[in-house]
Structures are given as C-alpha cells and as structure tokens.
PDB file of N, CA and C in Angstrom:
ATOM      1  N   MET A   1      21.814 -18.053 -39.845  1.00  0.00           N
ATOM      2  CA  MET A   1      22.533 -18.104 -41.073  1.00  0.00           C
ATOM      3  C   MET A   1      21.884 -17.200 -42.356  1.00  0.00           C
ATOM      4  N   LYS A   2      20.600 -17.170 -42.038  1.00  0.00           N
ATOM      5  CA  LYS A   2      20.040 -16.497 -43.241  1.00  0.00           C
ATOM      6  C   LYS A   2      20.075 -15.020 -43.084  1.00  0.00           C
ATOM      7  N   ARG A   3      20.333 -14.445 -42.199  1.00  0.00           N
ATOM      8  CA  ARG A   3      20.430 -13.145 -41.846  1.00  0.00           C
ATOM      9  C   ARG A   3      21.584 -12.191 -42.243  1.00  0.00           C
ATOM     10  N   LYS A   4      22.638 -13.175 -42.051  1.00  0.00           N
ATOM     11  CA  LYS A   4      23.948 -12.435 -42.550  1.00  0.00           C
ATOM     12  C   LYS A   4      24.003 -11.923 -43.908  1.00  0.00           C
ATOM     13  N   PRO A   5      23.858 -12.433 -44.815  1.00  0.00           N
ATOM     14  CA  PRO A   5      23.561 -12.206 -46.403  1.00  0.00           C
ATOM     15  C   PRO A   5      22.832 -11.009 -46.442  1.00  0.00           C
ATOM     16  N   ASP A   6      21.399 -10.882 -45.543  1.00  0.00           N
ATOM     17  CA  ASP A   6      20.566 -10.023 -45.645  1.00  0.00           C
ATOM     18  C   ASP A   6      21.145  -8.547 -45.286  1.00  0.00           C
ATOM     19  N   LEU A   7      21.853  -8.904 -43.882  1.00  0.00           N
ATOM     20  CA  LEU A   7      22.555  -7.564 -43.622  1.00  0.00           C
ATOM     21  C   LEU A   7      23.717  -6.989 -44.615  1.00  0.00           C
ATOM     22  N   LEU A   8      24.288  -7.817 -45.094  1.00  0.00           N
ATOM     23  CA  LEU A   8      25.475  -7.505 -46.125  1.00  0.00           C
ATOM     24  C   LEU A   8      24.703  -6.923 -47.413  1.00  0.00           C
ATOM     25  N   TRP A   9      23.446  -7.201 -47.744  1.00  0.00           N
ATOM     26  CA  TRP A   9      22.738  -6.383 -48.978  1.00  0.00           C
ATOM     27  C   TRP A   9      22.296  -5.112 -48.511  1.00  0.00           C
ATOM     28  N   VAL A  10      22.084  -5.048 -47.188  1.00  0.00           N
ATOM     29  CA  VAL A  10      21.535  -3.923 -46.777  1.00  0.00           C
ATOM     30  C   VAL A  10      22.783  -2.924 -46.743  1.00  0.00           C
ATOM     31  N   LEU A  11      23.953  -3.186 -46.240  1.00  0.00           N
ATOM     32  CA  LEU A  11      24.950  -2.671 -46.090  1.00  0.00           C
ATOM     33  C   LEU A  11      25.295  -2.142 -47.553  1.00  0.00           C
ATOM     34  N   VAL A  12      25.472  -3.064 -48.489  1.00  0.00           N
ATOM     35  CA  VAL A  12      25.759  -2.751 -49.981  1.00  0.00           C
ATOM     36  C   VAL A  12      24.933  -1.642 -50.413  1.00  0.00           C
ATOM     37  N   VAL A  13      23.524  -1.703 -50.305  1.00  0.00           N
ATOM     38  CA  VAL A  13      22.206  -0.591 -50.742  1.00  0.00           C
ATOM     39  C   VAL A  13      22.847   0.638 -50.095  1.00  0.00           C
ATOM     40  N   LEU A  14      23.068   0.416 -48.806  1.00  0.00           N
ATOM     41  CA  LEU A  14      22.967   1.810 -48.203  1.00  0.00           C
ATOM     42  C   LEU A  14      24.440   2.556 -48.802  1.00  0.00           C
ATOM     43  N   PHE A  15      25.394   2.063 -48.890  1.00  0.00           N
ATOM     44  CA  PHE A  15      26.791   2.209 -49.272  1.00  0.00           C
ATOM     45  C   PHE A  15      26.699   2.896 -50.523  1.00  0.00           C
ATOM     46  N   SER A  16      25.924   2.204 -51.908  1.00  0.00           N
ATOM     47  CA  SER A  16      25.659   2.660 -53.333  1.00  0.00           C
ATOM     48  C   SER A  16      24.758   3.820 -53.072  1.00  0.00           C
ATOM     49  N   LEU A  17      23.808   3.980 -52.260  1.00  0.00           N
ATOM     50  CA  LEU A  17      23.083   5.206 -52.072  1.00  0.00           C
ATOM     51  C   LEU A  17      24.064   6.309 -51.732  1.00  0.00           C
ATOM     52  N   GLY A  18      24.732   6.063 -50.925  1.00  0.00           N
ATOM     53  CA  GLY A  18      25.617   7.244 -50.083  1.00  0.00           C
ATOM     54  C   GLY A  18      26.513   7.718 -51.387  1.00  0.00           C
ATOM     55  N   VAL A  19      27.118   6.784 -52.112  1.00  0.00           N
ATOM     56  CA  VAL A  19      27.804   7.089 -53.234  1.00  0.00           C
ATOM     57  C   VAL A  19      27.158   7.774 -54.327  1.00  0.00           C
ATOM     58  N   VAL A  20      25.895   7.630 -54.812  1.00  0.00           N
ATOM     59  CA  VAL A  20      25.212   8.108 -55.602  1.00  0.00           C
ATOM     60  C   VAL A  20      24.904   9.854 -55.307  1.00  0.00           C
ATOM     61  N   THR A  21      24.303   9.532 -53.853  1.00  0.00           N
ATOM     62  CA  THR A  21      23.992  11.184 -53.280  1.00  0.00           C
ATOM     63  C   THR A  21      25.309  11.961 -53.240  1.00  0.00           C
ATOM     64  N   THR A  22      26.402  11.161 -52.751  1.00  0.00           N
ATOM     65  CA  THR A  22      27.571  12.160 -52.938  1.00  0.00           C
ATOM     66  C   THR A  22      27.885  12.683 -54.025  1.00  0.00           C
ATOM     67  N   GLY A  23      27.930  11.870 -55.087  1.00  0.00           N
ATOM     68  CA  GLY A  23      28.620  12.410 -56.310  1.00  0.00           C
ATOM     69  C   GLY A  23      27.375  13.520 -56.838  1.00  0.00           C
ATOM     70  N   TYR A  24      25.786  13.447 -56.914  1.00  0.00           N
ATOM     71  CA  TYR A  24      25.185  14.112 -57.241  1.00  0.00           C
ATOM     72  C   TYR A  24      25.195  15.563 -56.464  1.00  0.00           C
ATOM     73  N   THR A  25      25.638  15.503 -55.135  1.00  0.00           N
ATOM     74  CA  THR A  25      25.603  16.983 -54.635  1.00  0.00           C
ATOM     75  C   THR A  25      26.610  17.557 -54.664  1.00  0.00           C
ATOM     76  N   GLN A  26      27.863  16.736 -54.933  1.00  0.00           N
ATOM     77  CA  GLN A  26      29.035  17.421 -55.528  1.00  0.00           C
ATOM     78  C   GLN A  26      28.909  17.923 -57.319  1.00  0.00           C
ATOM     79  N   GLY A  27      28.274  17.430 -57.887  1.00  0.00           N
ATOM     80  CA  GLY A  27      27.643  17.977 -59.109  1.00  0.00           C
ATOM     81  C   GLY A  27      27.020  19.323 -58.883  1.00  0.00           C
ATOM     82  N   LEU A  28      26.291  19.280 -57.943  1.00  0.00           N
ATOM     83  CA  LEU A  28      25.261  20.503 -57.854  1.00  0.00           C
ATOM     84  C   LEU A  28      26.237  21.466 -56.910  1.00  0.00           C
ATOM     85  N   TRP A  29      27.091  21.210 -56.252  1.00  0.00           N
ATOM     86  CA  TRP A  29      28.047  22.317 -55.773  1.00  0.00           C
ATOM     87  C   TRP A  29      28.845  22.966 -56.689  1.00  0.00           C
ATOM     88  N   GLU A  30      29.294  21.801 -57.900  1.00  0.00           N
ATOM     89  CA  GLU A  30      30.150  22.511 -59.020  1.00  0.00           C
ATOM     90  C   GLU A  30      29.347  23.380 -59.756  1.00  0.00           C
ATOM     91  N   ARG A  31      28.044  23.139 -60.010  1.00  0.00           N
ATOM     92  CA  ARG A  31      27.243  24.077 -60.732  1.00  0.00           C
ATOM     93  C   ARG A  31      27.201  25.282 -60.058  1.00  0.00           C
ATOM     94  N   GLN A  32      26.868  25.479 -58.709  1.00  0.00           N
ATOM     95  CA  GLN A  32      26.473  26.309 -57.916  1.00  0.00           C
ATOM     96  C   GLN A  32      27.987  27.266 -57.827  1.00  0.00           C
ATOM     97  N   GLY A  33      28.927  26.594 -57.950  1.00  0.00           N
ATOM     98  CA  GLY A  33      30.330  27.368 -57.750  1.00  0.00           C
ATOM     99  C   GLY A  33      30.430  27.902 -58.995  1.00  0.00           C
ATOM    100  N   GLU A  34      30.291  27.368 -60.317  1.00  0.00           N
ATOM    101  CA  GLU A  34      30.434  28.133 -61.350  1.00  0.00           C
ATOM    102  C   GLU A  34      29.463  29.390 -61.552  1.00  0.00           C
ATOM    103  N   ALA A  35      28.279  28.990 -61.377  1.00  0.00           N
ATOM    104  CA  ALA A  35      27.335  30.154 -61.477  1.00  0.00           C
ATOM    105  C   ALA A  35      27.724  31.519 -60.502  1.00  0.00           C
ATOM    106  N   THR A  36      28.007  31.019 -59.206  1.00  0.00           N
ATOM    107  CA  THR A  36      28.175  32.159 -58.298  1.00  0.00           C
ATOM    108  C   THR A  36      29.698  32.754 -58.477  1.00  0.00           C
ATOM    109  N   SER A  37      30.650  32.154 -59.485  1.00  0.00           N
ATOM    110  CA  SER A  37      31.809  32.877 -60.057  1.00  0.00           C
ATOM    111  C   SER A  37      31.462  33.494 -61.081  1.00  0.00           C
ATOM    112  N   GLN A  38      30.442  33.388 -61.946  1.00  0.00           N
ATOM    113  CA  GLN A  38      30.401  34.051 -63.214  1.00  0.00           C
ATOM    114  C   GLN A  38      29.453  35.221 -62.636  1.00  0.00           C
ATOM    115  N   VAL A  39      28.892  35.135 -61.583  1.00  0.00           N
ATOM    116  CA  VAL A  39      28.028  36.490 -61.336  1.00  0.00           C
ATOM    117  C   VAL A  39      28.909  37.351 -60.598  1.00  0.00           C
ATOM    118  N   SER A  40      29.834  36.945 -59.849  1.00  0.00           N
ATOM    119  CA  SER A  40      30.635  37.905 -59.197  1.00  0.00           C
ATOM    120  C   SER A  40      31.892  38.343 -60.011  1.00  0.00           C
ATOM    121  N   LYS A  41      32.142  37.867 -60.902  1.00  0.00           N
ATOM    122  CA  LYS A  41      33.269  38.277 -62.124  1.00  0.00           C
ATOM    123  C   LYS A  41      32.885  39.752 -62.295  1.00  0.00           C
ATOM    124  N   PRO A  42      31.882  40.246 -63.069  1.00  0.00           N
ATOM    125  CA  PRO A  42      31.647  41.554 -63.118  1.00  0.00           C
ATOM    126  C   PRO A  42      31.608  42.581 -61.977  1.00  0.00           C
TER     127      PRO A  42
END
C-alpha cells in the first residue's frame, strides 16, 4: 500500500517537469522565430 502514493508522486513530478520544459522550449522557439523573421525581412 505504501508504493502507490510514491508512484503517484513520481508521475506528478514527471508531468510537471514535462510542462515546464515544454513551456520553456516554446518560449525559445518563439524568440528564435522572431529573430529569424527580423533577419529575413530586409
């Protein structure tokens, strides 16, 4: 019975890390897209 909450916490931590890394990479992609669009405009 003690293993179930541990597994739940591991899944919660992995899910939160996935959300954080996804948001971070999306922010980087948006910055790179803005930089490349500014460079390619002229």
